[in-house]
Amino acid sequence: MNSKLVTRGKIIGKKKDAKKNHIQNHDATWAWLMLAPNLTGFLLFMLGPVVMTFVISLTEYDLIDPMKFVGFHNYMKLFQDPIIGETLINTLVYTVIVVPIGMCISLGLAVLLDQKIALRRFYRAAYFLPSITSMVAVSVVWQWIYNPEFGILNYLLSFFRIPPLKWLSSSNTSLVSISIVGIWKNAGYNMMLFLSGLQGISTSYYEASELDGANKWEQFVHVTLPMMRPTISFVFIMSIISSFQVFDAVNLMTQGGPGRSSSVLVHYLYQNAFQYFNMGYACAIAYLLFGIVLLITIINMMNDKKLREIY
């Protein structure tokens, strides 16, 4: 009798396991079916081009003749090309100008517009508007502002008896001029990210600091900034990536000139790919850009980890 019960229990257990496995397989099948469109898009439009870019970087290819395998010749050429060094320095200068200044302005605007002031929704929308405006329209407006003959910027400088400057046609000011446009255009977007971070800070921290006698500046330094660290880190990484990928403002406003005073890595990549038809070398530049951004991101993540350990 006992042996029959044991056998029957084993059969029931096997049936339950089989049913459980069937349900799990059924769920897994539907999960993969739901993920299939996204995975297909990722493979076709992201991973596929990344792999193909690396393959092309190992060749000489002009879009007409068949590819000619040259190994790592294009990567070795990167270290011998003086223009790479010049455009890389321009990209770094642009990043150094745009990222810290832009983040400070965006954070300041976010703190101000997080207060209970009149028309704050209007101001938020007004500051955010440039970030969703077409770069073509932005370039036209700023080219008029920078115009050396009838631009409003030189007109304002004339009140201080400063002679008119050739903002976009001088090698001394062209890169700075484009950097100002970059700061202006991205400030609103970063401001909204900072606003979301500020609104996630509990008011109890500020109430506790007030009881300890902290003023507004001390609250900002000892409460707001530490609590905003994840948001600041995210905005910093995204701003660096965006700065290293700057292209449209350069191509529309200065075409990299005069000379190469405002040419950046992505602009030189574009020239090699679609003006010189040197696709292999352009793909190698793309991987150089990827490596630099990846290195900066890893360093920032390591520093952020150390800060989390300290605090």
C-alpha atoms as a PDB file:
ATOM      1  CA  MET A   1       0.000   0.000   0.000  1.00  0.00           C
ATOM      2  CA  ASN A   2       2.781   2.384   0.945  1.00  0.00           C
ATOM      3  CA  SER A   3       4.685   1.567  -2.247  1.00  0.00           C
ATOM      4  CA  LYS A   4       1.580   2.416  -4.301  1.00  0.00           C
ATOM      5  CA  LEU A   5       1.252   5.768  -2.539  1.00  0.00           C
ATOM      6  CA  VAL A   6       4.927   6.511  -3.126  1.00  0.00           C
ATOM      7  CA  THR A   7       4.625   5.593  -6.808  1.00  0.00           C
ATOM      8  CA  ARG A   8       1.476   7.650  -7.164  1.00  0.00           C
ATOM      9  CA  GLY A   9       3.209  10.600  -5.443  1.00  0.00           C
ATOM     10  CA  LYS A  10       6.140  10.348  -7.846  1.00  0.00           C
ATOM     11  CA  ILE A  11       3.796  10.329 -10.839  1.00  0.00           C
ATOM     12  CA  ILE A  12       1.919  13.374  -9.541  1.00  0.00           C
ATOM     13  CA  GLY A  13       5.242  15.107  -8.838  1.00  0.00           C
ATOM     14  CA  LYS A  14       6.470  14.394 -12.364  1.00  0.00           C
ATOM     15  CA  LYS A  15       3.225  15.727 -13.812  1.00  0.00           C
ATOM     16  CA  LYS A  16       3.558  18.923 -11.746  1.00  0.00           C
ATOM     17  CA  ASP A  17       7.192  19.360 -12.853  1.00  0.00           C
ATOM     18  CA  ALA A  18       6.234  18.788 -16.477  1.00  0.00           C
ATOM     19  CA  LYS A  19       3.394  21.311 -16.202  1.00  0.00           C
ATOM     20  CA  LYS A  20       5.717  23.821 -14.509  1.00  0.00           C
ATOM     21  CA  ASN A  21       8.334  23.348 -17.244  1.00  0.00           C
ATOM     22  CA  HIS A  22       5.660  23.739 -19.909  1.00  0.00           C
ATOM     23  CA  ILE A  23       4.471  27.023 -18.363  1.00  0.00           C
ATOM     24  CA  GLN A  24       8.047  28.302 -18.072  1.00  0.00           C
ATOM     25  CA  ASN A  25       8.807  27.395 -21.693  1.00  0.00           C
ATOM     26  CA  HIS A  26       5.531  29.006 -22.776  1.00  0.00           C
ATOM     27  CA  ASP A  27       6.387  32.217 -20.879  1.00  0.00           C
ATOM     28  CA  ALA A  28       9.931  32.223 -22.257  1.00  0.00           C
ATOM     29  CA  THR A  29       8.608  31.819 -25.809  1.00  0.00           C
ATOM     30  CA  TRP A  30       6.260  34.776 -25.422  1.00  0.00           C
ATOM     31  CA  ALA A  31       8.989  36.829 -23.767  1.00  0.00           C
ATOM     32  CA  TRP A  32      11.320  36.291 -26.739  1.00  0.00           C
ATOM     33  CA  LEU A  33       8.473  37.058 -29.155  1.00  0.00           C
ATOM     34  CA  MET A  34       7.814  40.362 -27.380  1.00  0.00           C
ATOM     35  CA  LEU A  35      11.526  41.206 -27.377  1.00  0.00           C
ATOM     36  CA  ALA A  36      12.051  40.167 -30.999  1.00  0.00           C
ATOM     37  CA  PRO A  37      11.174  43.536 -32.644  1.00  0.00           C
ATOM     38  CA  ASN A  38      13.488  45.470 -30.330  1.00  0.00           C
ATOM     39  CA  LEU A  39      16.280  42.898 -30.608  1.00  0.00           C
ATOM     40  CA  THR A  40      15.936  42.841 -34.386  1.00  0.00           C
ATOM     41  CA  GLY A  41      16.227  46.619 -34.521  1.00  0.00           C
ATOM     42  CA  PHE A  42      19.248  46.524 -32.201  1.00  0.00           C
ATOM     43  CA  LEU A  43      21.019  43.882 -34.296  1.00  0.00           C
ATOM     44  CA  LEU A  44      20.241  45.541 -37.641  1.00  0.00           C
ATOM     45  CA  PHE A  45      20.709  49.204 -36.790  1.00  0.00           C
ATOM     46  CA  MET A  46      23.180  49.225 -33.865  1.00  0.00           C
ATOM     47  CA  LEU A  47      25.271  46.100 -33.380  1.00  0.00           C
ATOM     48  CA  GLY A  48      25.437  45.345 -37.095  1.00  0.00           C
ATOM     49  CA  PRO A  49      26.767  48.790 -38.080  1.00  0.00           C
ATOM     50  CA  VAL A  50      29.240  48.745 -35.171  1.00  0.00           C
ATOM     51  CA  VAL A  51      30.709  45.436 -36.358  1.00  0.00           C
ATOM     52  CA  MET A  52      30.646  46.531 -40.004  1.00  0.00           C
ATOM     53  CA  THR A  53      32.393  49.803 -39.112  1.00  0.00           C
ATOM     54  CA  PHE A  54      35.252  47.840 -37.546  1.00  0.00           C
ATOM     55  CA  VAL A  55      35.476  45.581 -40.617  1.00  0.00           C
ATOM     56  CA  ILE A  56      35.611  48.594 -42.966  1.00  0.00           C
ATOM     57  CA  SER A  57      38.250  50.263 -40.753  1.00  0.00           C
ATOM     58  CA  LEU A  58      40.582  47.392 -41.698  1.00  0.00           C
ATOM     59  CA  THR A  59      40.220  48.135 -45.401  1.00  0.00           C
ATOM     60  CA  GLU A  60      40.716  50.763 -48.084  1.00  0.00           C
ATOM     61  CA  TYR A  61      37.263  51.529 -49.452  1.00  0.00           C
ATOM     62  CA  ASP A  62      36.031  54.440 -51.578  1.00  0.00           C
ATOM     63  CA  LEU A  63      32.378  53.307 -52.048  1.00  0.00           C
ATOM     64  CA  ILE A  64      33.124  52.437 -55.697  1.00  0.00           C
ATOM     65  CA  ASP A  65      35.981  49.965 -55.909  1.00  0.00           C
ATOM     66  CA  PRO A  66      35.963  46.672 -53.970  1.00  0.00           C
ATOM     67  CA  MET A  67      37.319  46.724 -50.426  1.00  0.00           C
ATOM     68  CA  LYS A  68      41.057  46.123 -50.069  1.00  0.00           C
ATOM     69  CA  PHE A  69      42.170  44.621 -46.758  1.00  0.00           C
ATOM     70  CA  VAL A  70      45.007  46.645 -45.171  1.00  0.00           C
ATOM     71  CA  GLY A  71      44.922  45.384 -41.585  1.00  0.00           C
ATOM     72  CA  PHE A  72      45.566  48.014 -38.928  1.00  0.00           C
ATOM     73  CA  HIS A  73      47.155  50.464 -41.380  1.00  0.00           C
ATOM     74  CA  ASN A  74      44.344  53.002 -40.855  1.00  0.00           C
ATOM     75  CA  TYR A  75      44.837  52.879 -37.080  1.00  0.00           C
ATOM     76  CA  MET A  76      48.584  53.389 -37.463  1.00  0.00           C
ATOM     77  CA  LYS A  77      47.857  56.313 -39.766  1.00  0.00           C
ATOM     78  CA  LEU A  78      45.901  57.991 -36.932  1.00  0.00           C
ATOM     79  CA  PHE A  79      49.144  58.503 -34.990  1.00  0.00           C
ATOM     80  CA  GLN A  80      50.894  59.978 -38.052  1.00  0.00           C
ATOM     81  CA  ASP A  81      48.144  62.340 -39.193  1.00  0.00           C
ATOM     82  CA  PRO A  82      48.735  65.887 -37.840  1.00  0.00           C
ATOM     83  CA  ILE A  83      45.133  66.842 -38.578  1.00  0.00           C
ATOM     84  CA  ILE A  84      43.937  64.205 -36.077  1.00  0.00           C
ATOM     85  CA  GLY A  85      45.932  65.905 -33.346  1.00  0.00           C
ATOM     86  CA  GLU A  86      44.608  69.328 -34.338  1.00  0.00           C
ATOM     87  CA  THR A  87      40.966  68.247 -34.467  1.00  0.00           C
ATOM     88  CA  LEU A  88      41.339  66.275 -31.228  1.00  0.00           C
ATOM     89  CA  ILE A  89      42.690  69.357 -29.441  1.00  0.00           C
ATOM     90  CA  ASN A  90      39.800  71.426 -30.837  1.00  0.00           C
ATOM     91  CA  THR A  91      37.340  68.797 -29.600  1.00  0.00           C
ATOM     92  CA  LEU A  92      38.919  68.794 -26.142  1.00  0.00           C
ATOM     93  CA  VAL A  93      38.896  72.612 -25.996  1.00  0.00           C
ATOM     94  CA  TYR A  94      35.243  72.650 -27.030  1.00  0.00           C
ATOM     95  CA  THR A  95      34.440  70.051 -24.352  1.00  0.00           C
ATOM     96  CA  VAL A  96      36.359  71.911 -21.641  1.00  0.00           C
ATOM     97  CA  ILE A  97      34.465  75.103 -22.453  1.00  0.00           C
ATOM     98  CA  VAL A  98      30.988  73.675 -22.951  1.00  0.00           C
ATOM     99  CA  VAL A  99      30.690  70.966 -20.277  1.00  0.00           C
ATOM    100  CA  PRO A 100      31.652  72.751 -17.018  1.00  0.00           C
ATOM    101  CA  ILE A 101      30.224  76.160 -17.964  1.00  0.00           C
ATOM    102  CA  GLY A 102      27.061  74.612 -19.396  1.00  0.00           C
ATOM    103  CA  MET A 103      26.525  72.420 -16.330  1.00  0.00           C
ATOM    104  CA  CYS A 104      26.997  75.344 -13.926  1.00  0.00           C
ATOM    105  CA  ILE A 105      24.528  77.491 -15.858  1.00  0.00           C
ATOM    106  CA  SER A 106      22.005  74.645 -16.101  1.00  0.00           C
ATOM    107  CA  LEU A 107      22.272  73.819 -12.401  1.00  0.00           C
ATOM    108  CA  GLY A 108      21.920  77.477 -11.478  1.00  0.00           C
ATOM    109  CA  LEU A 109      18.808  77.829 -13.639  1.00  0.00           C
ATOM    110  CA  ALA A 110      17.355  74.639 -12.166  1.00  0.00           C
ATOM    111  CA  VAL A 111      17.863  75.864  -8.601  1.00  0.00           C
ATOM    112  CA  LEU A 112      16.270  79.231  -9.422  1.00  0.00           C
ATOM    113  CA  LEU A 113      13.303  77.713 -11.255  1.00  0.00           C
ATOM    114  CA  ASP A 114      12.747  75.167  -8.485  1.00  0.00           C
ATOM    115  CA  GLN A 115      11.724  78.067  -6.242  1.00  0.00           C
ATOM    116  CA  LYS A 116       8.155  79.313  -5.976  1.00  0.00           C
ATOM    117  CA  ILE A 117       8.387  82.284  -8.328  1.00  0.00           C
ATOM    118  CA  ALA A 118       5.873  83.819 -10.694  1.00  0.00           C
ATOM    119  CA  LEU A 119       5.733  82.457 -14.261  1.00  0.00           C
ATOM    120  CA  ARG A 120       8.210  79.678 -13.471  1.00  0.00           C
ATOM    121  CA  ARG A 121       6.475  77.318 -15.944  1.00  0.00           C
ATOM    122  CA  PHE A 122       6.883  79.925 -18.666  1.00  0.00           C
ATOM    123  CA  TYR A 123      10.579  80.326 -17.847  1.00  0.00           C
ATOM    124  CA  ARG A 124      11.102  76.566 -17.835  1.00  0.00           C
ATOM    125  CA  ALA A 125       9.535  76.265 -21.276  1.00  0.00           C
ATOM    126  CA  ALA A 126      11.476  79.277 -22.576  1.00  0.00           C
ATOM    127  CA  TYR A 127      14.830  77.906 -21.443  1.00  0.00           C
ATOM    128  CA  PHE A 128      14.000  74.410 -22.716  1.00  0.00           C
ATOM    129  CA  LEU A 129      12.873  75.606 -26.164  1.00  0.00           C
ATOM    130  CA  PRO A 130      16.372  75.949 -27.744  1.00  0.00           C
ATOM    131  CA  SER A 131      17.168  72.291 -27.028  1.00  0.00           C
ATOM    132  CA  ILE A 132      14.306  71.131 -29.279  1.00  0.00           C
ATOM    133  CA  THR A 133      14.888  73.755 -31.974  1.00  0.00           C
ATOM    134  CA  SER A 134      16.426  72.638 -35.259  1.00  0.00           C
ATOM    135  CA  MET A 135      20.167  73.227 -35.427  1.00  0.00           C
ATOM    136  CA  VAL A 136      19.706  74.728 -38.888  1.00  0.00           C
ATOM    137  CA  ALA A 137      17.424  77.432 -37.476  1.00  0.00           C
ATOM    138  CA  VAL A 138      19.762  77.961 -34.510  1.00  0.00           C
ATOM    139  CA  SER A 139      22.745  78.366 -36.837  1.00  0.00           C
ATOM    140  CA  VAL A 140      20.957  80.950 -38.981  1.00  0.00           C
ATOM    141  CA  VAL A 141      20.046  83.009 -35.909  1.00  0.00           C
ATOM    142  CA  TRP A 142      23.525  82.860 -34.412  1.00  0.00           C
ATOM    143  CA  GLN A 143      25.199  83.649 -37.733  1.00  0.00           C
ATOM    144  CA  TRP A 144      23.144  86.840 -37.745  1.00  0.00           C
ATOM    145  CA  ILE A 145      24.129  87.567 -34.118  1.00  0.00           C
ATOM    146  CA  TYR A 146      27.808  87.017 -34.967  1.00  0.00           C
ATOM    147  CA  ASN A 147      27.730  88.967 -38.229  1.00  0.00           C
ATOM    148  CA  PRO A 148      30.748  91.354 -38.140  1.00  0.00           C
ATOM    149  CA  GLU A 149      28.911  94.174 -39.965  1.00  0.00           C
ATOM    150  CA  PHE A 150      25.345  94.256 -38.645  1.00  0.00           C
ATOM    151  CA  GLY A 151      25.296  91.570 -35.928  1.00  0.00           C
ATOM    152  CA  ILE A 152      23.714  92.475 -32.598  1.00  0.00           C
ATOM    153  CA  LEU A 153      26.694  91.193 -30.599  1.00  0.00           C
ATOM    154  CA  ASN A 154      29.166  93.611 -32.174  1.00  0.00           C
ATOM    155  CA  TYR A 155      26.540  96.353 -31.841  1.00  0.00           C
ATOM    156  CA  LEU A 156      26.383  95.753 -28.076  1.00  0.00           C
ATOM    157  CA  LEU A 157      30.176  95.674 -27.839  1.00  0.00           C
ATOM    158  CA  SER A 158      30.355  99.055 -29.582  1.00  0.00           C
ATOM    159  CA  PHE A 159      28.862 100.669 -26.469  1.00  0.00           C
ATOM    160  CA  PHE A 160      32.026  99.615 -24.645  1.00  0.00           C
ATOM    161  CA  ARG A 161      34.157 100.931 -27.535  1.00  0.00           C
ATOM    162  CA  ILE A 162      35.268  97.421 -28.478  1.00  0.00           C
ATOM    163  CA  PRO A 163      35.990  97.162 -32.234  1.00  0.00           C
ATOM    164  CA  PRO A 164      33.856  94.689 -34.222  1.00  0.00           C
ATOM    165  CA  LEU A 165      35.098  91.103 -34.134  1.00  0.00           C
ATOM    166  CA  LYS A 166      34.946  88.508 -36.894  1.00  0.00           C
ATOM    167  CA  TRP A 167      33.475  85.857 -34.631  1.00  0.00           C
ATOM    168  CA  LEU A 168      33.120  83.007 -37.126  1.00  0.00           C
ATOM    169  CA  SER A 169      35.784  83.983 -39.662  1.00  0.00           C
ATOM    170  CA  SER A 170      38.699  84.460 -37.269  1.00  0.00           C
ATOM    171  CA  SER A 171      40.820  81.544 -36.084  1.00  0.00           C
ATOM    172  CA  ASN A 172      41.002  83.151 -32.631  1.00  0.00           C
ATOM    173  CA  THR A 173      37.256  83.255 -31.996  1.00  0.00           C
ATOM    174  CA  SER A 174      35.597  80.659 -34.259  1.00  0.00           C
ATOM    175  CA  LEU A 175      35.797  77.739 -31.808  1.00  0.00           C
ATOM    176  CA  VAL A 176      34.746  79.895 -28.843  1.00  0.00           C
ATOM    177  CA  SER A 177      31.780  81.185 -30.859  1.00  0.00           C
ATOM    178  CA  ILE A 178      30.594  77.659 -31.597  1.00  0.00           C
ATOM    179  CA  SER A 179      31.107  76.732 -27.938  1.00  0.00           C
ATOM    180  CA  ILE A 180      28.795  79.580 -26.873  1.00  0.00           C
ATOM    181  CA  VAL A 181      26.117  78.216 -29.205  1.00  0.00           C
ATOM    182  CA  GLY A 182      26.573  74.744 -27.717  1.00  0.00           C
ATOM    183  CA  ILE A 183      26.170  76.067 -24.168  1.00  0.00           C
ATOM    184  CA  TRP A 184      23.067  78.052 -25.114  1.00  0.00           C
ATOM    185  CA  LYS A 185      21.395  75.167 -26.951  1.00  0.00           C
ATOM    186  CA  ASN A 186      21.993  72.455 -24.343  1.00  0.00           C
ATOM    187  CA  ALA A 187      21.407  74.508 -21.188  1.00  0.00           C
ATOM    188  CA  GLY A 188      17.635  73.979 -21.176  1.00  0.00           C
ATOM    189  CA  TYR A 189      17.822  70.204 -21.589  1.00  0.00           C
ATOM    190  CA  ASN A 190      20.331  69.796 -18.761  1.00  0.00           C
ATOM    191  CA  MET A 191      18.271  72.214 -16.676  1.00  0.00           C
ATOM    192  CA  MET A 192      15.270  69.874 -16.914  1.00  0.00           C
ATOM    193  CA  LEU A 193      17.411  66.918 -15.818  1.00  0.00           C
ATOM    194  CA  PHE A 194      18.671  68.888 -12.829  1.00  0.00           C
ATOM    195  CA  LEU A 195      15.119  69.975 -12.012  1.00  0.00           C
ATOM    196  CA  SER A 196      13.970  66.362 -11.864  1.00  0.00           C
ATOM    197  CA  GLY A 197      16.858  65.596  -9.514  1.00  0.00           C
ATOM    198  CA  LEU A 198      16.087  68.580  -7.280  1.00  0.00           C
ATOM    199  CA  GLN A 199      12.430  67.623  -7.004  1.00  0.00           C
ATOM    200  CA  GLY A 200      13.453  64.163  -5.849  1.00  0.00           C
ATOM    201  CA  ILE A 201      15.197  65.537  -2.744  1.00  0.00           C
ATOM    202  CA  SER A 202      13.047  65.263   0.354  1.00  0.00           C
ATOM    203  CA  THR A 203      12.240  68.561   2.091  1.00  0.00           C
ATOM    204  CA  SER A 204      13.036  66.928   5.436  1.00  0.00           C
ATOM    205  CA  TYR A 205      16.772  67.344   4.709  1.00  0.00           C
ATOM    206  CA  TYR A 206      16.349  71.088   4.291  1.00  0.00           C
ATOM    207  CA  GLU A 207      14.160  71.337   7.388  1.00  0.00           C
ATOM    208  CA  ALA A 208      16.781  69.497   9.428  1.00  0.00           C
ATOM    209  CA  SER A 209      19.558  71.752   8.118  1.00  0.00           C
ATOM    210  CA  GLU A 210      17.503  74.852   8.987  1.00  0.00           C
ATOM    211  CA  LEU A 211      17.180  73.602  12.559  1.00  0.00           C
ATOM    212  CA  ASP A 212      20.975  73.314  12.621  1.00  0.00           C
ATOM    213  CA  GLY A 213      21.222  76.951  11.533  1.00  0.00           C
ATOM    214  CA  ALA A 214      22.350  76.406   7.923  1.00  0.00           C
ATOM    215  CA  ASN A 215      21.791  79.240   5.458  1.00  0.00           C
ATOM    216  CA  LYS A 216      20.798  78.826   1.801  1.00  0.00           C
ATOM    217  CA  TRP A 217      24.369  78.528   0.530  1.00  0.00           C
ATOM    218  CA  GLU A 218      25.278  75.946   3.184  1.00  0.00           C
ATOM    219  CA  GLN A 219      22.129  73.984   2.307  1.00  0.00           C
ATOM    220  CA  PHE A 220      23.147  74.036  -1.352  1.00  0.00           C
ATOM    221  CA  VAL A 221      26.705  72.852  -0.624  1.00  0.00           C
ATOM    222  CA  HIS A 222      25.971  70.272   2.085  1.00  0.00           C
ATOM    223  CA  VAL A 223      22.500  69.036   1.078  1.00  0.00           C
ATOM    224  CA  THR A 224      21.697  69.782  -2.554  1.00  0.00           C
ATOM    225  CA  LEU A 225      25.031  68.884  -4.187  1.00  0.00           C
ATOM    226  CA  PRO A 226      25.561  65.540  -2.346  1.00  0.00           C
ATOM    227  CA  MET A 227      21.957  64.476  -3.026  1.00  0.00           C
ATOM    228  CA  MET A 228      22.308  65.530  -6.667  1.00  0.00           C
ATOM    229  CA  ARG A 229      25.490  63.493  -7.231  1.00  0.00           C
ATOM    230  CA  PRO A 230      23.851  60.750  -9.393  1.00  0.00           C
ATOM    231  CA  THR A 231      22.131  63.346 -11.586  1.00  0.00           C
ATOM    232  CA  ILE A 232      25.290  65.455 -11.872  1.00  0.00           C
ATOM    233  CA  SER A 233      27.294  62.368 -12.830  1.00  0.00           C
ATOM    234  CA  PHE A 234      24.740  61.397 -15.488  1.00  0.00           C
ATOM    235  CA  VAL A 235      24.591  64.916 -16.957  1.00  0.00           C
ATOM    236  CA  PHE A 236      28.398  65.087 -16.944  1.00  0.00           C
ATOM    237  CA  ILE A 237      28.789  61.851 -18.917  1.00  0.00           C
ATOM    238  CA  MET A 238      26.031  62.734 -21.391  1.00  0.00           C
ATOM    239  CA  SER A 239      27.446  66.247 -21.862  1.00  0.00           C
ATOM    240  CA  ILE A 240      30.913  64.866 -22.631  1.00  0.00           C
ATOM    241  CA  ILE A 241      29.500  62.378 -25.131  1.00  0.00           C
ATOM    242  CA  SER A 242      27.458  65.146 -26.765  1.00  0.00           C
ATOM    243  CA  SER A 243      30.478  67.469 -26.880  1.00  0.00           C
ATOM    244  CA  PHE A 244      32.703  64.876 -28.525  1.00  0.00           C
ATOM    245  CA  GLN A 245      29.976  64.258 -31.111  1.00  0.00           C
ATOM    246  CA  VAL A 246      29.491  67.925 -32.040  1.00  0.00           C
ATOM    247  CA  PHE A 247      29.209  68.292 -35.793  1.00  0.00           C
ATOM    248  CA  ASP A 248      26.142  70.121 -37.064  1.00  0.00           C
ATOM    249  CA  ALA A 249      27.039  73.518 -35.569  1.00  0.00           C
ATOM    250  CA  VAL A 250      30.580  73.282 -36.963  1.00  0.00           C
ATOM    251  CA  ASN A 251      29.457  72.164 -40.406  1.00  0.00           C
ATOM    252  CA  LEU A 252      26.682  74.752 -40.676  1.00  0.00           C
ATOM    253  CA  MET A 253      28.452  77.791 -39.226  1.00  0.00           C
ATOM    254  CA  THR A 254      32.155  77.532 -40.064  1.00  0.00           C
ATOM    255  CA  GLN A 255      32.702  74.335 -42.103  1.00  0.00           C
ATOM    256  CA  GLY A 256      35.646  73.737 -39.792  1.00  0.00           C
ATOM    257  CA  GLY A 257      37.388  76.975 -40.708  1.00  0.00           C
ATOM    258  CA  PRO A 258      39.094  79.247 -41.038  1.00  0.00           C
ATOM    259  CA  GLY A 259      41.763  76.689 -41.794  1.00  0.00           C
ATOM    260  CA  ARG A 260      41.016  73.997 -39.256  1.00  0.00           C
ATOM    261  CA  SER A 261      40.632  76.285 -36.267  1.00  0.00           C
ATOM    262  CA  SER A 262      37.102  75.016 -35.534  1.00  0.00           C
ATOM    263  CA  SER A 263      37.274  71.548 -37.067  1.00  0.00           C
ATOM    264  CA  VAL A 264      36.529  68.710 -34.648  1.00  0.00           C
ATOM    265  CA  LEU A 265      36.915  64.928 -34.824  1.00  0.00           C
ATOM    266  CA  VAL A 266      33.425  64.207 -36.153  1.00  0.00           C
ATOM    267  CA  HIS A 267      33.783  66.927 -38.801  1.00  0.00           C
ATOM    268  CA  TYR A 268      37.078  65.409 -39.964  1.00  0.00           C
ATOM    269  CA  LEU A 269      35.431  61.978 -39.936  1.00  0.00           C
ATOM    270  CA  TYR A 270      32.639  63.347 -42.137  1.00  0.00           C
ATOM    271  CA  GLN A 271      35.151  64.885 -44.549  1.00  0.00           C
ATOM    272  CA  ASN A 272      37.061  61.616 -44.933  1.00  0.00           C
ATOM    273  CA  ALA A 273      33.882  59.617 -45.432  1.00  0.00           C
ATOM    274  CA  PHE A 274      31.799  61.828 -47.743  1.00  0.00           C
ATOM    275  CA  GLN A 275      34.219  64.342 -49.268  1.00  0.00           C
ATOM    276  CA  TYR A 276      37.446  62.362 -49.655  1.00  0.00           C
ATOM    277  CA  PHE A 277      35.602  58.991 -49.904  1.00  0.00           C
ATOM    278  CA  ASN A 278      38.135  57.349 -47.613  1.00  0.00           C
ATOM    279  CA  MET A 279      35.676  55.176 -45.704  1.00  0.00           C
ATOM    280  CA  GLY A 280      38.264  52.909 -44.088  1.00  0.00           C
ATOM    281  CA  TYR A 281      40.109  55.798 -42.470  1.00  0.00           C
ATOM    282  CA  ALA A 282      36.815  57.453 -41.463  1.00  0.00           C
ATOM    283  CA  CYS A 283      35.756  54.264 -39.671  1.00  0.00           C
ATOM    284  CA  ALA A 284      39.100  54.171 -37.849  1.00  0.00           C
ATOM    285  CA  ILE A 285      38.471  57.760 -36.669  1.00  0.00           C
ATOM    286  CA  ALA A 286      35.039  56.641 -35.469  1.00  0.00           C
ATOM    287  CA  TYR A 287      36.636  53.924 -33.324  1.00  0.00           C
ATOM    288  CA  LEU A 288      39.180  56.412 -31.999  1.00  0.00           C
ATOM    289  CA  LEU A 289      36.286  58.631 -30.921  1.00  0.00           C
ATOM    290  CA  PHE A 290      34.528  55.650 -29.352  1.00  0.00           C
ATOM    291  CA  GLY A 291      37.652  54.695 -27.410  1.00  0.00           C
ATOM    292  CA  ILE A 292      38.145  58.220 -26.032  1.00  0.00           C
ATOM    293  CA  VAL A 293      34.525  58.535 -24.898  1.00  0.00           C
ATOM    294  CA  LEU A 294      34.613  55.044 -23.370  1.00  0.00           C
ATOM    295  CA  LEU A 295      37.800  55.847 -21.448  1.00  0.00           C
ATOM    296  CA  ILE A 296      36.375  59.112 -20.082  1.00  0.00           C
ATOM    297  CA  THR A 297      33.151  57.347 -19.071  1.00  0.00           C
ATOM    298  CA  ILE A 298      35.035  54.585 -17.226  1.00  0.00           C
ATOM    299  CA  ILE A 299      37.190  57.122 -15.371  1.00  0.00           C
ATOM    300  CA  ASN A 300      34.112  59.097 -14.347  1.00  0.00           C
ATOM    301  CA  MET A 301      32.333  55.941 -13.143  1.00  0.00           C
ATOM    302  CA  MET A 302      35.372  54.949 -11.070  1.00  0.00           C
ATOM    303  CA  ASN A 303      35.530  58.403  -9.497  1.00  0.00           C
ATOM    304  CA  ASP A 304      31.802  58.276  -8.805  1.00  0.00           C
ATOM    305  CA  LYS A 305      32.239  54.900  -7.102  1.00  0.00           C
ATOM    306  CA  LYS A 306      34.974  56.334  -4.879  1.00  0.00           C
ATOM    307  CA  LEU A 307      32.716  59.260  -3.946  1.00  0.00           C
ATOM    308  CA  ARG A 308      29.915  56.848  -2.999  1.00  0.00           C
ATOM    309  CA  GLU A 309      32.342  55.015  -0.719  1.00  0.00           C
ATOM    310  CA  ILE A 310      33.396  58.296   0.921  1.00  0.00           C
ATOM    311  CA  TYR A 311      29.839  59.490   1.487  1.00  0.00           C
END
